[in-house]
Amino acid sequence: MIIGWDCAPPDLVFNQFVDRMPNMSRLREQGCWGPLRSSHPPITVPAWTCMLTSRNPGQLGFYGFRNLKPGTYDGAWIATSTAVREPRVWDLLPGHSVCIHGVPQTYPVKPVNGMVIADFLTPDLNSEYTYPPGLKTEIDQVADGYLIDAEGFRTEDKAALLKQIYTVTNKHHLVNLHLLSRQRWDFFMAVEMGPDRLQHGFWKFCDPAHPKYEPGNPFESALADYYAHLDAQLGELLALADENTLVMVVSDHGAKAMKGSLNINDYLIQEGLLCLREEVPPGTRFKPDLVDWSRTRAWAYGGYYSRVHMNVAGREPQGTIPAADYDRERDRLAAFLRAIPDDQGRPMATETLKPQEIFTGPYVNAAPDLLVYFDDLSWRAGQDVNNPSLYSFDTEIGPDDAVHDHHGILAMAGPGLSSHGELSGLQLMDVAPTVLTHLGEAVPSVMEGKAIP
């Protein structure tokens, strides 16, 4: 049984809220636990699929929700389940019954020996998001109106958002209880997106270290209350696991306070590396058709990390960087990006990662030329152009209080564990080999993680 809490950070679950999470504490006491190093980049997609295939993004071929077809300016595509070419752990369990609920990149659904309820990438409730198809009616009745996700979570109406997150979480939990009670499964996995939605919407209200924190605000306990609620639901799920069940509670990455948003394309324009065809209105969303490609050397997309692309002759249609100069120009661009200070002129701990140095596999060259983590991910990247400043303090798509962090969580208990207490050095690609080992299946040699003892 794998219970996924998307974006749950170790500090909240293992430290700050420990007194309000007795079921998590019991799980830790009975087994082992520790911070779980996420993928590069630490984003929901690809992190959950890295976890469940035990492969890095260079083996998978996607580096986020949104990806760019190599050698194009406008070949953007979304990594749904159709992009997952490698088997996930449930695909390696022949003869075992499986039940999967809300695991990212399961829409469109594919047949399994059991049941699937797809993830938040499902377009709407009119879509076919269950396998078998008839399961859709069943869970809609169980949940008194099933909901896929909390919609529009980047909103200023915080009271309505908080209510919606609880409503969605509770409906998902009713479905989990129903699925676990209706038959015995060999493998069950459910991922709840609520922690991610709540943290992006409420971090500034709960964290005194957040630059926008206001003491005494009405949502000061929103995070603690929600994690206590998740813990109570965890207790009900644990009650349905017998003594032969290995239980894992995991997250794909962590979270922390967002300091701001650095407008990366405005910086590239300022440095003469990105040229637009004409002047655009303030805060215009960056699109390839705005660009004068004949004079452009680099451009970027935003999010919790920045995907920086270079305009290389012979690779892009109107490449301006000679292929022979690519390595030198990439090093030069990386140095420029690492030198950008924060809004107060202070140095930032910015990482510029070359795909060839952190990934392996046939799709490495499909990655952006640089993955950029501004100030160790504390600053997100904005891609809009013609902003008043290089620095913004909301996102271009609405209010957001949190960014991602490199470590999620793992807590595990069940038969056969030889290690108890806190473990170090865990990484998310260890999860799939651990499941296969527990269920008596061989671990493929291509898997990059190792079974937890």
Protein backbone atom coordinates (compact mmCIF):
# COMPACT_ATOMS: atom_id res chain seq x y z
CA MET A 1 0.00 0.00 0.00
CA ILE A 2 1.51 3.29 -1.14
CA ILE A 3 -0.10 6.50 0.08
CA GLY A 4 1.22 9.51 -1.81
CA TRP A 5 1.02 13.07 -0.47
CA ASP A 6 2.14 15.27 -3.32
CA CYS A 7 4.66 17.95 -2.29
CA ALA A 8 4.75 16.94 1.41
CA PRO A 9 8.01 18.26 2.95
CA PRO A 10 10.02 16.41 5.60
CA ASP A 11 10.20 19.37 7.96
CA LEU A 12 6.44 19.68 8.26
CA VAL A 13 5.66 15.96 8.49
CA PHE A 14 8.60 14.78 10.59
CA ASN A 15 9.24 17.87 12.73
CA GLN A 16 6.81 20.78 12.89
CA PHE A 17 3.52 18.86 12.91
CA VAL A 18 4.68 15.63 14.57
CA ASP A 19 2.51 16.18 17.65
CA ARG A 20 -0.59 16.37 15.48
CA MET A 21 0.21 13.28 13.39
CA PRO A 22 0.00 10.23 15.70
CA ASN A 23 -0.58 7.75 12.88
CA MET A 24 2.48 8.90 10.99
CA SER A 25 4.45 8.71 14.25
CA ARG A 26 3.25 5.14 14.79
CA LEU A 27 4.22 4.17 11.26
CA ARG A 28 7.70 5.61 11.77
CA GLU A 29 8.12 3.87 15.11
CA GLN A 30 7.21 0.51 13.59
CA GLY A 31 9.46 0.84 10.55
CA CYS A 32 11.81 3.31 8.95
CA TRP A 33 11.60 6.80 7.58
CA GLY A 34 13.62 9.66 6.18
CA PRO A 35 13.84 12.43 3.60
CA LEU A 36 13.45 11.17 0.04
CA ARG A 37 15.61 12.89 -2.56
CA SER A 38 13.54 13.91 -5.56
CA SER A 39 14.36 13.85 -9.26
CA HIS A 40 15.92 16.56 -11.37
CA PRO A 41 13.81 18.61 -11.72
CA PRO A 42 11.81 18.17 -8.47
CA ILE A 43 8.43 18.55 -10.18
CA THR A 44 5.32 16.32 -9.99
CA VAL A 45 6.01 15.35 -13.60
CA PRO A 46 8.51 13.68 -13.91
CA ALA A 47 9.07 12.85 -10.22
CA TRP A 48 6.23 10.35 -9.65
CA THR A 49 7.11 8.45 -12.81
CA CYS A 50 10.81 8.46 -11.90
CA MET A 51 9.75 6.92 -8.60
CA LEU A 52 7.57 4.22 -10.16
CA THR A 53 9.87 3.28 -13.06
CA SER A 54 13.13 3.76 -11.14
CA ARG A 55 14.50 5.67 -14.12
CA ASN A 56 15.78 9.21 -14.58
CA PRO A 57 14.15 11.68 -17.00
CA GLY A 58 16.82 11.00 -19.63
CA GLN A 59 15.43 7.47 -19.81
CA LEU A 60 11.84 8.69 -19.80
CA GLY A 61 12.00 11.59 -22.25
CA PHE A 62 10.16 14.33 -20.35
CA TYR A 63 11.36 17.00 -17.94
CA GLY A 64 8.13 18.52 -16.67
CA PHE A 65 4.46 18.80 -17.57
CA ARG A 66 5.37 20.94 -20.57
CA ASN A 67 8.13 19.92 -22.92
CA LEU A 68 9.54 21.18 -26.20
CA LYS A 69 10.13 18.98 -29.21
CA PRO A 70 13.88 19.24 -30.04
CA GLY A 71 14.75 21.45 -32.99
CA THR A 72 11.53 23.47 -32.79
CA TYR A 73 10.39 26.79 -31.40
CA ASP A 74 6.70 25.93 -31.03
CA GLY A 75 6.61 22.14 -30.63
CA ALA A 76 5.29 22.21 -27.06
CA TRP A 77 3.61 19.09 -25.69
CA ILE A 78 2.13 17.86 -22.40
CA ALA A 79 3.49 14.69 -20.78
CA THR A 80 0.38 12.60 -20.08
CA SER A 81 0.34 8.81 -19.74
CA THR A 82 0.95 8.50 -23.48
CA ALA A 83 4.49 9.79 -22.89
CA VAL A 84 5.31 7.02 -20.38
CA ARG A 85 7.12 4.38 -22.43
CA GLU A 86 8.80 2.52 -19.58
CA PRO A 87 6.91 0.08 -17.32
CA ARG A 88 5.82 1.38 -13.96
CA VAL A 89 5.96 -0.89 -10.97
CA TRP A 90 2.39 -2.16 -11.39
CA ASP A 91 3.25 -3.19 -14.98
CA LEU A 92 5.89 -5.54 -13.53
CA LEU A 93 3.47 -7.48 -11.32
CA PRO A 94 2.10 -10.24 -13.58
CA GLY A 95 -0.78 -12.06 -11.98
CA HIS A 96 -1.06 -9.53 -9.17
CA SER A 97 -4.19 -7.44 -8.69
CA VAL A 98 -3.57 -3.68 -8.70
CA CYS A 99 -5.60 -0.59 -7.81
CA ILE A 100 -4.32 2.88 -8.72
CA HIS A 101 -5.96 6.18 -7.76
CA GLY A 102 -4.78 9.64 -8.76
CA VAL A 103 -1.20 8.73 -9.63
CA PRO A 104 0.20 11.45 -11.93
CA GLN A 105 0.49 10.55 -15.60
CA THR A 106 -2.24 7.90 -15.59
CA TYR A 107 -4.56 9.84 -17.91
CA PRO A 108 -5.50 8.63 -20.50
CA VAL A 109 -6.09 5.39 -18.60
CA LYS A 110 -4.56 2.11 -19.73
CA PRO A 111 -5.85 -1.38 -18.91
CA VAL A 112 -4.42 -3.12 -15.84
CA ASN A 113 -5.20 -6.28 -13.91
CA GLY A 114 -7.49 -4.31 -11.63
CA MET A 115 -8.65 -0.70 -11.50
CA VAL A 116 -7.37 2.78 -12.33
CA ILE A 117 -8.75 6.22 -11.49
CA ALA A 118 -6.71 8.76 -13.42
CA ASP A 119 -4.89 11.82 -12.18
CA PHE A 120 -5.36 15.59 -12.21
CA LEU A 121 -4.27 15.80 -15.87
CA THR A 122 -7.74 14.46 -16.70
CA PRO A 123 -9.38 17.30 -18.66
CA ASP A 124 -12.80 17.12 -16.97
CA LEU A 125 -15.38 14.80 -15.46
CA ASN A 126 -16.84 14.06 -18.89
CA SER A 127 -13.60 12.31 -19.85
CA GLU A 128 -13.13 8.57 -19.56
CA TYR A 129 -10.84 8.61 -16.53
CA THR A 130 -11.37 5.14 -15.06
CA TYR A 131 -10.55 1.57 -15.96
CA PRO A 132 -12.78 -0.26 -16.30
CA PRO A 133 -15.10 2.47 -17.63
CA GLY A 134 -17.95 1.41 -15.34
CA LEU A 135 -15.86 2.30 -12.28
CA LYS A 136 -16.57 5.96 -13.04
CA THR A 137 -20.26 5.62 -12.07
CA GLU A 138 -19.39 3.59 -8.98
CA ILE A 139 -16.95 6.10 -7.50
CA ASP A 140 -19.23 9.01 -8.37
CA GLN A 141 -21.89 7.43 -6.18
CA VAL A 142 -19.44 6.63 -3.39
CA ALA A 143 -18.11 10.20 -3.32
CA ASP A 144 -21.54 11.81 -3.82
CA GLY A 145 -20.09 13.50 -6.88
CA TYR A 146 -16.45 12.66 -7.57
CA LEU A 147 -13.99 15.54 -8.09
CA ILE A 148 -10.64 15.24 -9.82
CA ASP A 149 -8.74 18.17 -8.31
CA ALA A 150 -9.09 21.53 -6.61
CA GLU A 151 -9.68 23.84 -9.56
CA GLY A 152 -8.22 27.35 -9.77
CA PHE A 153 -6.07 27.03 -6.67
CA ARG A 154 -4.15 30.19 -7.56
CA THR A 155 -6.84 32.48 -6.21
CA GLU A 156 -7.21 35.26 -3.65
CA ASP A 157 -10.43 33.71 -2.30
CA LYS A 158 -8.63 31.68 0.32
CA ALA A 159 -11.69 30.64 2.33
CA ALA A 160 -13.30 29.11 -0.75
CA LEU A 161 -10.03 27.44 -1.74
CA LEU A 162 -9.55 25.89 1.69
CA LYS A 163 -13.09 24.52 1.63
CA GLN A 164 -12.59 23.10 -1.85
CA ILE A 165 -9.31 21.36 -0.96
CA TYR A 166 -10.94 19.63 2.01
CA THR A 167 -13.94 18.64 -0.13
CA VAL A 168 -11.75 17.07 -2.81
CA THR A 169 -9.50 15.35 -0.28
CA ASN A 170 -12.48 13.88 1.58
CA LYS A 171 -14.09 12.58 -1.61
CA HIS A 172 -10.82 10.93 -2.62
CA HIS A 173 -10.55 9.36 0.82
CA LEU A 174 -14.08 7.91 0.65
CA VAL A 175 -13.16 6.33 -2.68
CA ASN A 176 -9.92 4.91 -1.22
CA LEU A 177 -11.78 3.33 1.66
CA HIS A 178 -14.34 1.88 -0.74
CA LEU A 179 -11.72 0.43 -3.08
CA LEU A 180 -9.74 -1.10 -0.22
CA SER A 181 -12.87 -2.63 1.28
CA ARG A 182 -14.40 -4.05 -1.89
CA GLN A 183 -11.62 -6.60 -2.52
CA ARG A 184 -8.10 -7.59 -1.54
CA TRP A 185 -5.42 -5.97 -3.69
CA ASP A 186 -1.81 -7.09 -4.05
CA PHE A 187 -0.77 -3.53 -4.92
CA PHE A 188 -2.69 -0.38 -3.99
CA MET A 189 -1.51 3.19 -4.61
CA ALA A 190 -3.32 6.50 -4.14
CA VAL A 191 -1.84 9.99 -4.54
CA GLU A 192 -3.50 13.03 -2.99
CA MET A 193 -2.69 16.40 -4.59
CA GLY A 194 -4.18 18.37 -1.69
CA PRO A 195 -0.88 19.10 0.09
CA ASP A 196 0.52 20.67 -3.07
CA ARG A 197 -2.57 22.82 -3.62
CA LEU A 198 -2.70 23.89 0.01
CA GLN A 199 0.97 24.80 0.25
CA HIS A 200 0.94 26.88 -2.92
CA GLY A 201 -2.15 28.67 -1.64
CA PHE A 202 -1.41 29.11 2.08
CA TRP A 203 2.32 28.94 2.86
CA LYS A 204 2.67 32.67 3.48
CA PHE A 205 -0.09 32.51 6.12
CA CYS A 206 1.63 29.78 8.13
CA ASP A 207 5.38 30.36 7.90
CA PRO A 208 6.83 33.26 9.93
CA ALA A 209 9.92 33.15 7.69
CA HIS A 210 7.88 33.86 4.54
CA PRO A 211 8.45 37.41 3.26
CA LYS A 212 4.66 37.97 3.08
CA TYR A 213 3.78 36.47 6.47
CA GLU A 214 1.33 38.47 8.62
CA PRO A 215 1.02 37.41 12.29
CA GLY A 216 -2.48 36.69 13.49
CA ASN A 217 -3.97 36.08 10.07
CA PRO A 218 -7.08 33.83 9.94
CA PHE A 219 -5.29 31.00 8.11
CA GLU A 220 -2.28 30.70 10.40
CA SER A 221 -2.99 27.05 11.24
CA ALA A 222 -4.17 25.99 7.76
CA LEU A 223 -1.18 23.76 7.02
CA ALA A 224 -1.06 22.14 10.47
CA ASP A 225 -4.81 21.51 10.49
CA TYR A 226 -4.75 19.92 7.05
CA TYR A 227 -1.83 17.60 7.85
CA ALA A 228 -3.65 16.53 11.03
CA HIS A 229 -6.65 15.75 8.81
CA LEU A 230 -4.47 13.73 6.41
CA ASP A 231 -3.04 11.85 9.38
CA ALA A 232 -6.49 10.91 10.62
CA GLN A 233 -7.31 9.59 7.16
CA LEU A 234 -4.01 7.70 7.14
CA GLY A 235 -5.10 5.96 10.35
CA GLU A 236 -8.27 4.72 8.64
CA LEU A 237 -6.25 3.39 5.70
CA LEU A 238 -3.73 1.68 7.99
CA ALA A 239 -6.60 -0.10 9.74
CA LEU A 240 -7.36 -1.84 6.44
CA ALA A 241 -3.81 -3.16 5.98
CA ASP A 242 -3.11 -6.62 7.36
CA GLU A 243 0.13 -7.84 8.95
CA ASN A 244 1.51 -8.92 5.58
CA THR A 245 1.15 -5.47 4.02
CA LEU A 246 4.12 -3.22 3.41
CA VAL A 247 2.84 0.35 3.86
CA MET A 248 4.69 3.32 2.41
CA VAL A 249 3.79 7.01 2.73
CA VAL A 250 5.73 9.01 0.18
CA SER A 251 5.94 12.37 -1.52
CA ASP A 252 7.53 13.29 -4.81
CA HIS A 253 9.32 16.45 -3.63
CA GLY A 254 9.12 19.01 -0.87
CA ALA A 255 8.15 22.66 -0.57
CA LYS A 256 9.36 25.88 1.00
CA ALA A 257 8.61 29.60 1.02
CA MET A 258 8.74 31.40 -2.31
CA LYS A 259 10.92 34.50 -2.16
CA GLY A 260 9.82 35.80 -5.55
CA SER A 261 9.77 35.21 -9.28
CA LEU A 262 12.68 36.12 -11.53
CA ASN A 263 11.60 37.19 -15.01
CA ILE A 264 14.15 35.22 -16.95
CA ASN A 265 13.16 36.27 -20.46
CA ASP A 266 13.37 39.94 -19.50
CA TYR A 267 16.91 39.25 -18.34
CA LEU A 268 17.75 37.58 -21.66
CA ILE A 269 16.28 40.57 -23.50
CA GLN A 270 18.29 42.96 -21.32
CA GLU A 271 21.48 41.09 -22.20
CA GLY A 272 20.70 41.10 -25.92
CA LEU A 273 20.28 37.31 -26.04
CA LEU A 274 16.54 37.34 -26.78
CA CYS A 275 15.08 39.77 -29.33
CA LEU A 276 11.38 40.38 -29.91
CA ARG A 277 9.88 41.38 -33.23
CA GLU A 278 8.32 44.52 -31.72
CA GLU A 279 7.47 46.22 -28.44
CA VAL A 280 4.80 44.33 -26.49
CA PRO A 281 2.43 45.41 -23.69
CA PRO A 282 3.66 45.01 -20.12
CA GLY A 283 3.43 41.48 -18.75
CA THR A 284 2.88 39.81 -22.12
CA ARG A 285 2.95 36.02 -22.02
CA PHE A 286 6.00 34.76 -23.84
CA LYS A 287 5.20 32.92 -27.06
CA PRO A 288 7.51 31.83 -29.87
CA ASP A 289 5.73 34.02 -32.43
CA LEU A 290 6.86 37.13 -30.52
CA VAL A 291 10.52 36.37 -31.20
CA ASP A 292 12.85 37.57 -33.92
CA TRP A 293 14.71 34.28 -34.20
CA SER A 294 17.29 35.66 -36.63
CA ARG A 295 18.71 37.80 -33.77
CA THR A 296 18.01 35.52 -30.79
CA ARG A 297 20.53 33.29 -29.04
CA ALA A 298 18.51 31.99 -26.07
CA TRP A 299 15.00 31.89 -24.62
CA ALA A 300 13.40 30.35 -21.56
CA TYR A 301 10.26 28.92 -20.06
CA GLY A 302 9.27 29.43 -16.44
CA GLY A 303 7.88 27.57 -13.47
CA TYR A 304 9.50 26.28 -10.29
CA TYR A 305 12.65 25.89 -12.35
CA SER A 306 13.60 27.48 -15.65
CA ARG A 307 14.07 25.59 -18.91
CA VAL A 308 16.59 27.55 -20.96
CA HIS A 309 16.95 26.80 -24.66
CA MET A 310 19.67 27.95 -27.04
CA ASN A 311 19.23 28.81 -30.71
CA VAL A 312 21.85 26.59 -32.36
CA ALA A 313 22.65 26.60 -36.08
CA GLY A 314 21.79 23.27 -37.70
CA ARG A 315 19.50 22.30 -34.82
CA GLU A 316 16.90 25.08 -34.59
CA PRO A 317 15.31 26.35 -37.83
CA GLN A 318 16.93 29.80 -37.57
CA GLY A 319 19.87 28.96 -35.33
CA THR A 320 22.32 31.78 -34.61
CA ILE A 321 24.92 30.02 -32.42
CA PRO A 322 27.47 28.06 -34.48
CA ALA A 323 27.46 24.42 -33.44
CA ALA A 324 31.22 24.60 -32.85
CA ASP A 325 30.63 27.33 -30.25
CA TYR A 326 27.82 25.54 -28.41
CA ASP A 327 29.74 24.35 -25.33
CA ARG A 328 31.51 27.67 -24.85
CA GLU A 329 28.32 29.67 -25.31
CA ARG A 330 26.40 27.42 -22.91
CA ASP A 331 29.08 27.84 -20.25
CA ARG A 332 29.01 31.60 -20.77
CA LEU A 333 25.22 31.71 -20.48
CA ALA A 334 25.28 29.55 -17.35
CA ALA A 335 27.79 31.90 -15.73
CA PHE A 336 25.59 34.91 -16.56
CA LEU A 337 22.57 33.22 -14.95
CA ARG A 338 24.46 32.23 -11.80
CA ALA A 339 25.61 35.83 -11.39
CA ILE A 340 22.10 37.32 -11.26
CA PRO A 341 21.59 38.82 -7.77
CA ASP A 342 18.32 38.89 -5.88
CA ASP A 343 16.11 41.98 -5.66
CA GLN A 344 18.33 43.39 -2.89
CA GLY A 345 21.54 42.91 -4.86
CA ARG A 346 22.62 39.90 -2.82
CA PRO A 347 24.17 36.81 -4.44
CA MET A 348 21.84 33.89 -5.08
CA ALA A 349 22.77 30.21 -4.78
CA THR A 350 21.70 29.50 -8.35
CA GLU A 351 22.37 26.14 -10.01
CA THR A 352 22.69 25.77 -13.77
CA LEU A 353 22.51 22.10 -14.69
CA LYS A 354 23.58 20.56 -17.99
CA PRO A 355 21.40 17.57 -18.92
CA GLN A 356 24.40 15.54 -20.09
CA GLU A 357 25.90 15.79 -16.61
CA ILE A 358 22.85 14.74 -14.57
CA PHE A 359 20.86 12.42 -16.86
CA THR A 360 21.53 9.23 -18.75
CA GLY A 361 19.53 7.59 -21.49
CA PRO A 362 18.34 8.00 -25.06
CA TYR A 363 16.40 11.22 -24.45
CA VAL A 364 19.07 13.37 -22.83
CA ASN A 365 19.32 15.59 -25.88
CA ALA A 366 15.58 16.23 -25.73
CA ALA A 367 16.12 18.15 -22.49
CA PRO A 368 16.48 21.95 -22.29
CA ASP A 369 20.05 23.14 -22.76
CA LEU A 370 20.12 24.27 -19.12
CA LEU A 371 17.93 23.52 -16.11
CA VAL A 372 18.15 26.53 -13.81
CA TYR A 373 17.28 26.54 -10.09
CA PHE A 374 17.32 30.16 -8.94
CA ASP A 375 18.62 30.54 -5.39
CA ASP A 376 18.35 26.80 -4.69
CA LEU A 377 14.73 26.88 -5.96
CA SER A 378 13.69 29.67 -3.55
CA TRP A 379 12.95 31.92 -6.53
CA ARG A 380 10.73 30.59 -9.30
CA ALA A 381 11.17 31.66 -12.92
CA GLY A 382 8.63 33.84 -14.70
CA GLN A 383 8.52 33.75 -18.49
CA ASP A 384 6.39 36.83 -19.23
CA VAL A 385 8.10 39.71 -21.02
CA ASN A 386 8.18 43.49 -20.57
CA ASN A 387 7.65 43.41 -16.81
CA PRO A 388 8.31 46.54 -14.68
CA SER A 389 11.28 44.76 -13.07
CA LEU A 390 13.33 41.60 -13.32
CA TYR A 391 11.73 40.66 -9.99
CA SER A 392 8.06 39.90 -9.34
CA PHE A 393 6.38 38.73 -6.16
CA ASP A 394 3.39 36.93 -7.57
CA THR A 395 3.33 34.54 -10.47
CA GLU A 396 2.08 35.38 -13.94
CA ILE A 397 -0.76 32.88 -13.44
CA GLY A 398 -1.96 33.99 -10.02
CA PRO A 399 -0.90 34.11 -6.35
CA ASP A 400 1.50 31.43 -5.17
CA ASP A 401 3.25 31.21 -1.81
CA ALA A 402 5.53 28.19 -2.13
CA VAL A 403 8.19 26.72 -4.36
CA HIS A 404 9.42 23.15 -4.62
CA ASP A 405 12.28 21.66 -2.65
CA HIS A 406 14.63 18.75 -3.29
CA HIS A 407 13.41 16.32 -0.62
CA GLY A 408 10.07 14.66 -0.11
CA ILE A 409 9.22 12.05 2.53
CA LEU A 410 9.23 8.30 3.00
CA ALA A 411 7.82 6.43 5.97
CA MET A 412 7.50 2.67 5.73
CA ALA A 413 6.46 -0.23 7.94
CA GLY A 414 5.61 -3.86 7.36
CA PRO A 415 7.04 -7.37 7.32
CA GLY A 416 10.63 -8.08 6.44
CA LEU A 417 12.16 -4.73 7.28
CA SER A 418 15.64 -5.08 8.70
CA SER A 419 16.11 -1.36 9.35
CA HIS A 420 14.24 0.73 11.87
CA GLY A 421 14.47 4.42 12.64
CA GLU A 422 15.66 7.24 10.42
CA LEU A 423 17.46 6.39 7.20
CA SER A 424 19.66 8.70 5.16
CA GLY A 425 20.49 8.64 1.47
CA LEU A 426 17.01 7.59 0.31
CA GLN A 427 15.98 8.65 -3.17
CA LEU A 428 12.69 8.23 -4.93
CA MET A 429 13.93 5.66 -7.45
CA ASP A 430 14.34 3.27 -4.48
CA VAL A 431 10.57 2.87 -4.15
CA ALA A 432 9.88 0.60 -7.16
CA PRO A 433 12.67 -1.90 -6.35
CA THR A 434 11.42 -2.04 -2.76
CA VAL A 435 7.89 -2.90 -3.90
CA LEU A 436 9.10 -5.57 -6.33
CA THR A 437 11.34 -7.15 -3.70
CA HIS A 438 8.52 -7.25 -1.14
CA LEU A 439 6.18 -8.93 -3.64
CA GLY A 440 8.80 -11.49 -4.66
CA GLU A 441 9.38 -10.15 -8.16
CA ALA A 442 12.76 -9.67 -9.81
CA VAL A 443 14.14 -6.15 -9.94
CA PRO A 444 15.10 -5.32 -13.56
CA SER A 445 18.78 -4.47 -13.95
CA VAL A 446 17.86 -1.21 -15.70
CA MET A 447 16.29 0.18 -12.56
CA GLU A 448 18.48 2.87 -11.03
CA GLY A 449 17.29 2.64 -7.41
CA LYS A 450 17.93 -0.01 -4.81
CA ALA A 451 15.51 -1.85 -2.56
CA ILE A 452 15.35 -0.34 0.91
CA PRO A 453 16.55 -3.01 3.39
